[in-house]
C-alpha atoms as a PDB file:
ATOM      1  CA  MET A   1     129.874  -3.340 -41.087  1.00  0.00           C
ATOM      2  CA  ASN A   2     132.103  -6.185 -42.421  1.00  0.00           C
ATOM      3  CA  PHE A   3     135.675  -6.409 -41.529  1.00  0.00           C
ATOM      4  CA  THR A   4     138.278  -8.315 -43.603  1.00  0.00           C
ATOM      5  CA  ALA A   5     140.957 -10.365 -42.063  1.00  0.00           C
ATOM      6  CA  ASP A   6     143.581  -8.079 -43.408  1.00  0.00           C
ATOM      7  CA  ALA A   7     142.135  -4.912 -41.815  1.00  0.00           C
ATOM      8  CA  PRO A   8     143.544  -4.074 -38.380  1.00  0.00           C
ATOM      9  CA  PRO A   9     141.041  -4.270 -35.430  1.00  0.00           C
ATOM     10  CA  ALA A  10     139.459  -0.942 -34.546  1.00  0.00           C
ATOM     11  CA  SER A  11     140.122   0.314 -31.074  1.00  0.00           C
ATOM     12  CA  ARG A  12     137.019   0.876 -28.867  1.00  0.00           C
ATOM     13  CA  PRO A  13     136.750   4.156 -27.017  1.00  0.00           C
ATOM     14  CA  VAL A  14     137.379   4.027 -23.252  1.00  0.00           C
ATOM     15  CA  PRO A  15     134.037   4.154 -21.339  1.00  0.00           C
ATOM     16  CA  ASN A  16     133.449   7.465 -19.706  1.00  0.00           C
ATOM     17  CA  LEU A  17     132.043   6.993 -16.179  1.00  0.00           C
ATOM     18  CA  LEU A  18     130.807  10.535 -15.916  1.00  0.00           C
ATOM     19  CA  ALA A  19     128.831  10.281 -19.115  1.00  0.00           C
ATOM     20  CA  GLY A  20     127.277   7.038 -17.938  1.00  0.00           C
ATOM     21  CA  ALA A  21     126.240   8.544 -14.629  1.00  0.00           C
ATOM     22  CA  LEU A  22     124.704  11.491 -16.352  1.00  0.00           C
ATOM     23  CA  ALA A  23     122.823   9.278 -18.761  1.00  0.00           C
ATOM     24  CA  LEU A  24     121.525   7.159 -15.916  1.00  0.00           C
ATOM     25  CA  GLY A  25     120.382  10.273 -14.007  1.00  0.00           C
ATOM     26  CA  VAL A  26     118.592  11.588 -17.079  1.00  0.00           C
ATOM     27  CA  HIS A  27     116.752   8.277 -17.478  1.00  0.00           C
ATOM     28  CA  VAL A  28     115.758   8.224 -13.854  1.00  0.00           C
ATOM     29  CA  LEU A  29     114.478  11.784 -14.064  1.00  0.00           C
ATOM     30  CA  PHE A  30     112.555  10.943 -17.203  1.00  0.00           C
ATOM     31  CA  VAL A  31     110.925   7.938 -15.553  1.00  0.00           C
ATOM     32  CA  LEU A  32     109.996  10.080 -12.533  1.00  0.00           C
ATOM     33  CA  LEU A  33     108.448  12.767 -14.723  1.00  0.00           C
ATOM     34  CA  LEU A  34     106.547  10.157 -16.703  1.00  0.00           C
ATOM     35  CA  VAL A  35     105.096   8.472 -13.558  1.00  0.00           C
ATOM     36  CA  PHE A  36     104.253  11.829 -11.979  1.00  0.00           C
ATOM     37  CA  GLY A  37     102.614  13.120 -15.164  1.00  0.00           C
ATOM     38  CA  VAL A  38     100.533  10.047 -15.614  1.00  0.00           C
ATOM     39  CA  SER A  39      99.378   9.948 -11.993  1.00  0.00           C
ATOM     40  CA  TRP A  40      98.693  13.699 -11.981  1.00  0.00           C
ATOM     41  CA  GLN A  41      96.667  13.668 -15.261  1.00  0.00           C
ATOM     42  CA  THR A  42      94.864  10.454 -14.566  1.00  0.00           C
ATOM     43  CA  HIS A  43      91.144  10.959 -14.066  1.00  0.00           C
ATOM     44  CA  HIS A  44      88.272   8.658 -14.003  1.00  0.00           C
ATOM     45  CA  PRO A  45      86.606   8.095 -17.328  1.00  0.00           C
ATOM     46  CA  ALA A  46      83.276   9.793 -17.847  1.00  0.00           C
ATOM     47  CA  ALA A  47      80.261   7.570 -17.495  1.00  0.00           C
ATOM     48  CA  VAL A  48      78.728   6.489 -20.801  1.00  0.00           C
ATOM     49  CA  GLN A  49      74.970   6.069 -21.130  1.00  0.00           C
ATOM     50  CA  VAL A  50      73.853   3.402 -23.604  1.00  0.00           C
ATOM     51  CA  ASP A  51      70.284   2.765 -24.706  1.00  0.00           C
ATOM     52  CA  LEU A  52      69.498  -0.922 -25.312  1.00  0.00           C
ATOM     53  CA  TRP A  53      66.789  -1.892 -27.801  1.00  0.00           C
ATOM     54  CA  GLN A  54      65.052  -5.178 -27.429  1.00  0.00           C
ATOM     55  CA  THR A  55      63.867  -5.202 -31.080  1.00  0.00           C
ATOM     56  CA  LEU A  56      64.843  -3.117 -34.075  1.00  0.00           C
ATOM     57  CA  PRO A  57      62.507  -0.283 -34.894  1.00  0.00           C
ATOM     58  CA  GLU A  58      60.221  -0.790 -37.834  1.00  0.00           C
ATOM     59  CA  THR A  59      61.310   1.196 -40.857  1.00  0.00           C
ATOM     60  CA  PRO A  60      58.583   2.544 -43.070  1.00  0.00           C
ATOM     61  CA  PRO A  61      58.560   0.982 -46.584  1.00  0.00           C
ATOM     62  CA  SER A  62      59.942   3.174 -49.290  1.00  0.00           C
ATOM     63  CA  PRO A  63      57.346   4.408 -51.813  1.00  0.00           C
ATOM     64  CA  ALA A  64      57.240   2.313 -55.011  1.00  0.00           C
ATOM     65  CA  LYS A  65      58.296   4.079 -58.208  1.00  0.00           C
ATOM     66  CA  PRO A  66      55.546   4.414 -60.806  1.00  0.00           C
ATOM     67  CA  ARG A  67      56.116   2.127 -63.789  1.00  0.00           C
ATOM     68  CA  PRO A  68      56.003   3.582 -67.240  1.00  0.00           C
ATOM     69  CA  PRO A  69      52.983   2.543 -69.349  1.00  0.00           C
ATOM     70  CA  GLN A  70      53.637  -0.619 -71.351  1.00  0.00           C
ATOM     71  CA  PRO A  71      52.290  -1.065 -74.882  1.00  0.00           C
ATOM     72  CA  VAL A  72      49.557  -3.652 -74.987  1.00  0.00           C
ATOM     73  CA  ASN A  73      50.444  -5.212 -78.257  1.00  0.00           C
ATOM     74  CA  VAL A  74      54.002  -5.895 -77.564  1.00  0.00           C
ATOM     75  CA  ALA A  75      54.580  -8.968 -75.695  1.00  0.00           C
ATOM     76  CA  LYS A  76      57.683  -8.864 -73.719  1.00  0.00           C
ATOM     77  CA  PRO A  77      58.853 -11.060 -71.084  1.00  0.00           C
ATOM     78  CA  GLU A  78      58.079  -9.701 -67.717  1.00  0.00           C
ATOM     79  CA  LYS A  79      60.986  -8.643 -65.681  1.00  0.00           C
ATOM     80  CA  THR A  80      61.329 -10.028 -62.230  1.00  0.00           C
ATOM     81  CA  ALA A  81      60.927  -7.420 -59.656  1.00  0.00           C
ATOM     82  CA  ARG A  82      64.015  -6.847 -57.648  1.00  0.00           C
ATOM     83  CA  PRO A  83      63.662  -7.130 -53.947  1.00  0.00           C
ATOM     84  CA  GLU A  84      63.576  -3.841 -52.265  1.00  0.00           C
ATOM     85  CA  LYS A  85      66.514  -2.965 -50.232  1.00  0.00           C
ATOM     86  CA  ALA A  86      65.941  -2.927 -46.559  1.00  0.00           C
ATOM     87  CA  ALA A  87      66.240   0.437 -44.901  1.00  0.00           C
ATOM     88  CA  PRO A  88      69.398   0.811 -42.902  1.00  0.00           C
ATOM     89  CA  VAL A  89      69.000   0.210 -39.295  1.00  0.00           C
ATOM     90  CA  HIS A  90      69.809   3.226 -37.282  1.00  0.00           C
ATOM     91  CA  LYS A  91      71.838   2.362 -34.258  1.00  0.00           C
ATOM     92  CA  PRO A  92      71.045   4.297 -31.173  1.00  0.00           C
ATOM     93  CA  VAL A  93      73.505   7.007 -30.620  1.00  0.00           C
ATOM     94  CA  GLU A  94      75.362   6.527 -27.356  1.00  0.00           C
ATOM     95  CA  LYS A  95      74.863   9.634 -25.322  1.00  0.00           C
ATOM     96  CA  GLU A  96      77.902  10.860 -23.566  1.00  0.00           C
ATOM     97  CA  ALA A  97      77.449  11.166 -19.848  1.00  0.00           C
ATOM     98  CA  PRO A  98      77.323  14.771 -18.760  1.00  0.00           C
ATOM     99  CA  PRO A  99      80.463  15.911 -16.993  1.00  0.00           C
ATOM    100  CA  PRO A 100      80.201  15.692 -13.221  1.00  0.00           C
ATOM    101  CA  LYS A 101      78.719  18.780 -11.781  1.00  0.00           C
ATOM    102  CA  PRO A 102      80.957  20.744  -9.519  1.00  0.00           C
ATOM    103  CA  PRO A 103      79.942  20.514  -5.862  1.00  0.00           C
ATOM    104  CA  ASP A 104      77.263  23.033  -4.945  1.00  0.00           C
ATOM    105  CA  ILE A 105      79.122  25.269  -2.475  1.00  0.00           C
ATOM    106  CA  ALA A 106      75.932  26.965  -1.381  1.00  0.00           C
ATOM    107  CA  LEU A 107      74.239  23.612  -0.664  1.00  0.00           C
ATOM    108  CA  GLU A 108      77.224  22.390   1.268  1.00  0.00           C
ATOM    109  CA  LYS A 109      77.334  25.614   3.220  1.00  0.00           C
ATOM    110  CA  LYS A 110      73.604  25.313   3.913  1.00  0.00           C
ATOM    111  CA  LYS A 111      74.108  21.694   5.084  1.00  0.00           C
ATOM    112  CA  ALA A 112      77.020  22.771   7.329  1.00  0.00           C
ATOM    113  CA  GLU A 113      74.919  25.670   8.736  1.00  0.00           C
ATOM    114  CA  ALA A 114      72.012  23.261   9.351  1.00  0.00           C
ATOM    115  CA  GLU A 115      74.346  20.821  11.124  1.00  0.00           C
ATOM    116  CA  GLN A 116      75.811  23.627  13.188  1.00  0.00           C
ATOM    117  CA  LEU A 117      72.349  24.907  14.032  1.00  0.00           C
ATOM    118  CA  LYS A 118      71.355  21.395  15.096  1.00  0.00           C
ATOM    119  CA  LYS A 119      74.398  21.133  17.380  1.00  0.00           C
ATOM    120  CA  LEU A 120      73.613  24.599  18.825  1.00  0.00           C
ATOM    121  CA  LYS A 121      70.030  23.558  19.519  1.00  0.00           C
ATOM    122  CA  ALA A 122      71.257  20.374  21.191  1.00  0.00           C
ATOM    123  CA  ILE A 123      73.651  22.380  23.301  1.00  0.00           C
ATOM    124  CA  GLN A 124      70.896  24.879  24.214  1.00  0.00           C
ATOM    125  CA  ALA A 125      68.576  21.962  25.098  1.00  0.00           C
ATOM    126  CA  ASP A 126      71.273  20.487  27.354  1.00  0.00           C
ATOM    127  CA  GLU A 127      71.809  23.908  28.947  1.00  0.00           C
ATOM    128  CA  GLU A 128      68.085  24.323  29.521  1.00  0.00           C
ATOM    129  CA  LYS A 129      67.893  20.845  31.063  1.00  0.00           C
ATOM    130  CA  ALA A 130      70.847  21.685  33.313  1.00  0.00           C
ATOM    131  CA  ARG A 131      69.228  25.012  34.301  1.00  0.00           C
ATOM    132  CA  ALA A 132      65.929  23.253  34.988  1.00  0.00           C
ATOM    133  CA  ALA A 133      67.723  20.667  37.085  1.00  0.00           C
ATOM    134  CA  ALA A 134      69.580  23.396  38.983  1.00  0.00           C
ATOM    135  CA  ALA A 135      66.336  25.256  39.497  1.00  0.00           C
ATOM    136  CA  ARG A 136      64.586  22.096  40.793  1.00  0.00           C
ATOM    137  CA  ALA A 137      67.532  21.422  43.118  1.00  0.00           C
ATOM    138  CA  SER A 138      67.444  25.034  44.349  1.00  0.00           C
ATOM    139  CA  HIS A 139      63.667  24.823  44.880  1.00  0.00           C
ATOM    140  CA  GLU A 140      63.970  21.536  46.741  1.00  0.00           C
ATOM    141  CA  LYS A 141      66.747  22.994  48.838  1.00  0.00           C
ATOM    142  CA  GLN A 142      64.550  26.032  49.629  1.00  0.00           C
ATOM    143  CA  LEU A 143      61.664  23.699  50.538  1.00  0.00           C
ATOM    144  CA  ALA A 144      63.923  21.710  52.791  1.00  0.00           C
ATOM    145  CA  GLU A 145      65.250  24.826  54.431  1.00  0.00           C
ATOM    146  CA  GLN A 146      61.677  26.114  54.915  1.00  0.00           C
ATOM    147  CA  LYS A 147      60.687  22.802  56.469  1.00  0.00           C
ATOM    148  CA  ARG A 148      63.730  22.914  58.720  1.00  0.00           C
ATOM    149  CA  GLN A 149      62.943  26.487  59.753  1.00  0.00           C
ATOM    150  CA  ALA A 150      59.317  25.539  60.395  1.00  0.00           C
ATOM    151  CA  LEU A 151      60.413  22.558  62.494  1.00  0.00           C
ATOM    152  CA  LEU A 152      62.786  24.766  64.471  1.00  0.00           C
ATOM    153  CA  ARG A 153      60.014  27.322  65.033  1.00  0.00           C
ATOM    154  CA  GLU A 154      57.681  24.538  66.232  1.00  0.00           C
ATOM    155  CA  MET A 155      60.418  23.249  68.535  1.00  0.00           C
ATOM    156  CA  GLU A 156      61.066  26.718  69.888  1.00  0.00           C
ATOM    157  CA  ALA A 157      57.331  27.339  70.314  1.00  0.00           C
ATOM    158  CA  GLU A 158      56.996  24.018  72.179  1.00  0.00           C
ATOM    159  CA  ASP A 159      60.035  24.845  74.303  1.00  0.00           C
ATOM    160  CA  LEU A 160      58.635  28.317  75.013  1.00  0.00           C
ATOM    161  CA  LYS A 161      55.293  26.838  75.876  1.00  0.00           C
ATOM    162  CA  GLN A 162      56.973  24.365  78.248  1.00  0.00           C
ATOM    163  CA  ARG A 163      59.019  27.148  79.838  1.00  0.00           C
ATOM    164  CA  VAL A 164      55.943  29.319  80.174  1.00  0.00           C
ATOM    165  CA  ALA A 165      54.064  26.435  81.766  1.00  0.00           C
ATOM    166  CA  ALA A 166      56.982  25.719  84.068  1.00  0.00           C
ATOM    167  CA  ASP A 167      57.297  29.415  84.971  1.00  0.00           C
ATOM    168  CA  ALA A 168      53.549  29.634  85.541  1.00  0.00           C
ATOM    169  CA  ALA A 169      53.693  26.560  87.769  1.00  0.00           C
ATOM    170  CA  ALA A 170      56.719  27.987  89.592  1.00  0.00           C
ATOM    171  CA  ASN A 171      54.973  31.347  89.967  1.00  0.00           C
ATOM    172  CA  GLU A 172      51.859  29.671  91.170  1.00  0.00           C
ATOM    173  CA  ALA A 173      53.846  27.603  93.647  1.00  0.00           C
ATOM    174  CA  ARG A 174      55.761  30.694  94.744  1.00  0.00           C
ATOM    175  CA  LEU A 175      52.522  32.710  95.022  1.00  0.00           C
ATOM    176  CA  ALA A 176      51.054  29.844  97.059  1.00  0.00           C
ATOM    177  CA  ARG A 177      54.053  29.826  99.336  1.00  0.00           C
ATOM    178  CA  LEU A 178      53.938  33.580  99.603  1.00  0.00           C
ATOM    179  CA  THR A 179      50.258  33.515 100.358  1.00  0.00           C
ATOM    180  CA  GLU A 180      50.818  30.847 102.868  1.00  0.00           C
ATOM    181  CA  ALA A 181      53.736  32.753 104.351  1.00  0.00           C
ATOM    182  CA  GLN A 182      51.664  35.939 104.452  1.00  0.00           C
ATOM    183  CA  ALA A 183      48.826  34.055 106.045  1.00  0.00           C
ATOM    184  CA  ALA A 184      51.235  32.533 108.492  1.00  0.00           C
ATOM    185  CA  ALA A 185      52.737  35.948 109.161  1.00  0.00           C
ATOM    186  CA  SER A 186      49.295  37.396 109.540  1.00  0.00           C
ATOM    187  CA  ARG A 187      48.399  34.659 111.921  1.00  0.00           C
ATOM    188  CA  GLN A 188      51.667  35.185 113.752  1.00  0.00           C
ATOM    189  CA  GLN A 189      51.076  38.946 113.834  1.00  0.00           C
ATOM    190  CA  ALA A 190      47.622  38.368 115.092  1.00  0.00           C
ATOM    191  CA  GLU A 191      48.911  35.965 117.718  1.00  0.00           C
ATOM    192  CA  VAL A 192      51.695  38.488 118.625  1.00  0.00           C
ATOM    193  CA  ALA A 193      49.185  41.286 118.728  1.00  0.00           C
ATOM    194  CA  SER A 194      46.967  39.198 120.906  1.00  0.00           C
ATOM    195  CA  VAL A 195      49.831  38.343 123.205  1.00  0.00           C
ATOM    196  CA  VAL A 196      51.024  41.996 123.225  1.00  0.00           C
ATOM    197  CA  GLY A 197      47.476  43.097 124.024  1.00  0.00           C
ATOM    198  CA  GLN A 198      47.232  40.585 126.833  1.00  0.00           C
ATOM    199  CA  TYR A 199      50.531  41.714 128.419  1.00  0.00           C
ATOM    200  CA  ARG A 200      49.659  45.391 127.967  1.00  0.00           C
ATOM    201  CA  ASP A 201      46.466  44.715 129.899  1.00  0.00           C
ATOM    202  CA  GLN A 202      48.531  42.916 132.550  1.00  0.00           C
ATOM    203  CA  ILE A 203      51.041  45.783 132.765  1.00  0.00           C
ATOM    204  CA  SER A 204      48.181  48.330 132.972  1.00  0.00           C
ATOM    205  CA  ALA A 205      46.488  46.317 135.656  1.00  0.00           C
ATOM    206  CA  LYS A 206      49.703  46.015 137.711  1.00  0.00           C
ATOM    207  CA  VAL A 207      50.512  49.759 137.376  1.00  0.00           C
ATOM    208  CA  ARG A 208      46.913  50.750 138.187  1.00  0.00           C
ATOM    209  CA  GLY A 209      47.122  48.613 141.336  1.00  0.00           C
ATOM    210  CA  ASN A 210      50.222  50.504 142.440  1.00  0.00           C
ATOM    211  CA  THR A 211      48.877  53.986 141.575  1.00  0.00           C
ATOM    212  CA  ARG A 212      47.785  56.355 144.362  1.00  0.00           C
ATOM    213  CA  LEU A 213      45.507  58.928 142.755  1.00  0.00           C
ATOM    214  CA  PRO A 214      45.496  62.432 144.185  1.00  0.00           C
ATOM    215  CA  ASP A 215      42.358  63.661 145.900  1.00  0.00           C
ATOM    216  CA  ASN A 216      41.701  66.554 143.648  1.00  0.00           C
ATOM    217  CA  LEU A 217      41.740  64.439 140.405  1.00  0.00           C
ATOM    218  CA  LYS A 218      38.747  65.160 138.205  1.00  0.00           C
ATOM    219  CA  GLY A 219      37.619  63.386 135.051  1.00  0.00           C
ATOM    220  CA  ASN A 220      39.655  60.747 133.211  1.00  0.00           C
ATOM    221  CA  PRO A 221      42.918  62.448 132.296  1.00  0.00           C
ATOM    222  CA  GLU A 222      45.479  60.642 130.128  1.00  0.00           C
ATOM    223  CA  VAL A 223      49.202  60.592 130.670  1.00  0.00           C
ATOM    224  CA  ARG A 224      51.794  59.049 128.300  1.00  0.00           C
ATOM    225  CA  CYS A 225      55.136  57.763 129.498  1.00  0.00           C
ATOM    226  CA  LEU A 226      58.163  56.241 127.771  1.00  0.00           C
ATOM    227  CA  VAL A 227      59.436  53.290 129.812  1.00  0.00           C
ATOM    228  CA  LYS A 228      62.854  51.763 129.169  1.00  0.00           C
ATOM    229  CA  LEU A 229      62.927  48.101 130.050  1.00  0.00           C
ATOM    230  CA  LEU A 230      65.404  45.230 130.235  1.00  0.00           C
ATOM    231  CA  PRO A 231      64.574  41.871 128.566  1.00  0.00           C
ATOM    232  CA  THR A 232      63.771  40.641 132.076  1.00  0.00           C
ATOM    233  CA  GLY A 233      61.073  43.315 132.516  1.00  0.00           C
ATOM    234  CA  GLU A 234      62.986  45.492 134.955  1.00  0.00           C
ATOM    235  CA  VAL A 235      62.309  49.229 134.606  1.00  0.00           C
ATOM    236  CA  LEU A 236      65.376  51.320 133.905  1.00  0.00           C
ATOM    237  CA  SER A 237      63.735  54.711 133.560  1.00  0.00           C
ATOM    238  CA  VAL A 238      60.328  56.376 133.128  1.00  0.00           C
ATOM    239  CA  ARG A 239      59.827  59.657 131.318  1.00  0.00           C
ATOM    240  CA  VAL A 240      56.480  61.545 130.770  1.00  0.00           C
ATOM    241  CA  THR A 241      56.049  62.268 127.015  1.00  0.00           C
ATOM    242  CA  LYS A 242      52.570  63.757 127.311  1.00  0.00           C
ATOM    243  CA  SER A 243      51.318  65.255 130.511  1.00  0.00           C
ATOM    244  CA  SER A 244      47.736  65.019 131.689  1.00  0.00           C
ATOM    245  CA  GLY A 245      47.813  68.597 132.978  1.00  0.00           C
ATOM    246  CA  ASN A 246      47.809  67.421 136.559  1.00  0.00           C
ATOM    247  CA  PRO A 247      51.452  67.119 137.790  1.00  0.00           C
ATOM    248  CA  ALA A 248      50.389  65.202 140.876  1.00  0.00           C
ATOM    249  CA  TYR A 249      48.610  62.619 138.748  1.00  0.00           C
ATOM    250  CA  ASP A 250      51.658  62.425 136.375  1.00  0.00           C
ATOM    251  CA  ASP A 251      54.020  61.823 139.379  1.00  0.00           C
ATOM    252  CA  ALA A 252      51.684  59.210 140.806  1.00  0.00           C
ATOM    253  CA  VAL A 253      51.730  57.258 137.485  1.00  0.00           C
ATOM    254  CA  VAL A 254      55.523  57.422 137.230  1.00  0.00           C
ATOM    255  CA  ARG A 255      55.933  56.150 140.851  1.00  0.00           C
ATOM    256  CA  ALA A 256      53.412  53.329 140.114  1.00  0.00           C
ATOM    257  CA  ILE A 257      55.426  52.184 137.037  1.00  0.00           C
ATOM    258  CA  GLU A 258      58.667  52.120 138.955  1.00  0.00           C
ATOM    259  CA  LYS A 259      56.981  50.274 141.828  1.00  0.00           C
ATOM    260  CA  SER A 260      55.606  47.643 139.320  1.00  0.00           C
ATOM    261  CA  SER A 261      59.091  46.680 138.196  1.00  0.00           C
ATOM    262  CA  PRO A 262      59.708  44.061 136.876  1.00  0.00           C
ATOM    263  CA  LEU A 263      56.831  44.328 134.447  1.00  0.00           C
ATOM    264  CA  PRO A 264      55.295  41.153 133.026  1.00  0.00           C
ATOM    265  CA  LEU A 265      56.699  40.419 129.557  1.00  0.00           C
ATOM    266  CA  PRO A 266      55.767  37.639 127.068  1.00  0.00           C
ATOM    267  CA  GLY A 267      58.252  34.829 126.524  1.00  0.00           C
ATOM    268  CA  ASP A 268      57.904  34.980 122.688  1.00  0.00           C
ATOM    269  CA  ARG A 269      60.660  37.121 121.221  1.00  0.00           C
ATOM    270  CA  ALA A 270      58.429  38.681 118.550  1.00  0.00           C
ATOM    271  CA  ALA A 271      55.872  39.700 121.163  1.00  0.00           C
ATOM    272  CA  ARG A 272      58.583  40.885 123.545  1.00  0.00           C
ATOM    273  CA  ALA A 273      59.945  43.206 120.833  1.00  0.00           C
ATOM    274  CA  ALA A 274      56.795  45.361 121.354  1.00  0.00           C
ATOM    275  CA  PHE A 275      57.988  46.105 124.908  1.00  0.00           C
ATOM    276  CA  VAL A 276      61.809  45.980 124.827  1.00  0.00           C
ATOM    277  CA  PRO A 277      63.807  48.176 124.930  1.00  0.00           C
ATOM    278  CA  GLU A 278      61.137  50.934 125.151  1.00  0.00           C
ATOM    279  CA  LEU A 279      57.527  50.775 126.005  1.00  0.00           C
ATOM    280  CA  SER A 280      55.046  53.514 125.264  1.00  0.00           C
ATOM    281  CA  PHE A 281      52.672  53.396 128.254  1.00  0.00           C
ATOM    282  CA  VAL A 282      49.329  55.161 128.354  1.00  0.00           C
ATOM    283  CA  HIS A 283      47.409  55.413 131.609  1.00  0.00           C
ATOM    284  CA  ARG A 284      43.891  56.636 132.387  1.00  0.00           C
ATOM    285  CA  PRO A 285      42.548  56.362 135.892  1.00  0.00           C
ATOM    286  CA  LYS A 286      39.092  55.103 134.915  1.00  0.00           C
ATOM    287  CA  GLU A 287      40.141  52.481 132.327  1.00  0.00           C
END
C-alpha cells in the first residue's frame, strides 16, 4: 500500500499482551503435538529385497514377417531392411519384503517353559546332591558312632576281663590263706587235742592213784562227774552226773578228785579251755 505525503499517518493498534501469550501457547502446543505424532508414528521402513542380474537376459528374436511376392519382371530397387527393434529389457521387479511376523507367543511360552524346566531340574539336582551329601554325612556319623561303641565295648570287656582276673587272683589268694588258716587251725586243734588228751591222761592217772576202790566192786563200772576248776587247777566242786550203780564206788571217785586238787592243766589257753571252768571227768577202775 502506497501512502502519499498529504495523507495522515495511520495509527497502529496497541499490542495485546493476552493475545500474544495465547498465540505463543498455541504454537508451543502445535509443536509438541507435531513432535509427539512424528515420534509415535515413526516405524522402521520395511526391508526391500532386490534381485541383481549380472547380465541381461536374452530376449528371443521376434518372428520375421513374410514378404509379399515380388513380380519377377519388374525391377525395383531393393529396399534396405530396417534393423529390428530390440526387445525391451524387463527390469526385475523389486519384491517388497514381507511384513515382520508377529512374535510367536506359543514358541516364546514354550521357550520360557523349557527354561523354567531347566531351572527346576538344576534345583532338583542340587537338592539331590545335598540329600546325598547329608545321607553320606549321616552314614559316616553312624559308622563313627558304631566304631566308638565297639571301642567302648572292647574297653569294657578288657576292663571286665582284668577285674575278673584280679578277682580270681584275689579269691585264689584268699582261698589259699583260708586253706592255710584252716590247715593251721587244724594243726592247732590237733595240737590242742593232743595236749588235752595228754592232760586228761595225767588227770586220770592222778585221780586213779588217789582212788580207794571198795572191796565188793565187780566189773569195770563207769562213773561221770562234773568238776568245776579254777584256772590254777584247783577243784571247787565235784558232782556225779552219771552214777555207776555202786554208791560206794561213786563216793570213792569223788573223794579221789578232791584229793587230787590242784589238777594238772596245760599252759596253753586254747588247751586249758577244755578244762576250765568245767571238766567232764569219766572214770573206770580198770582203765
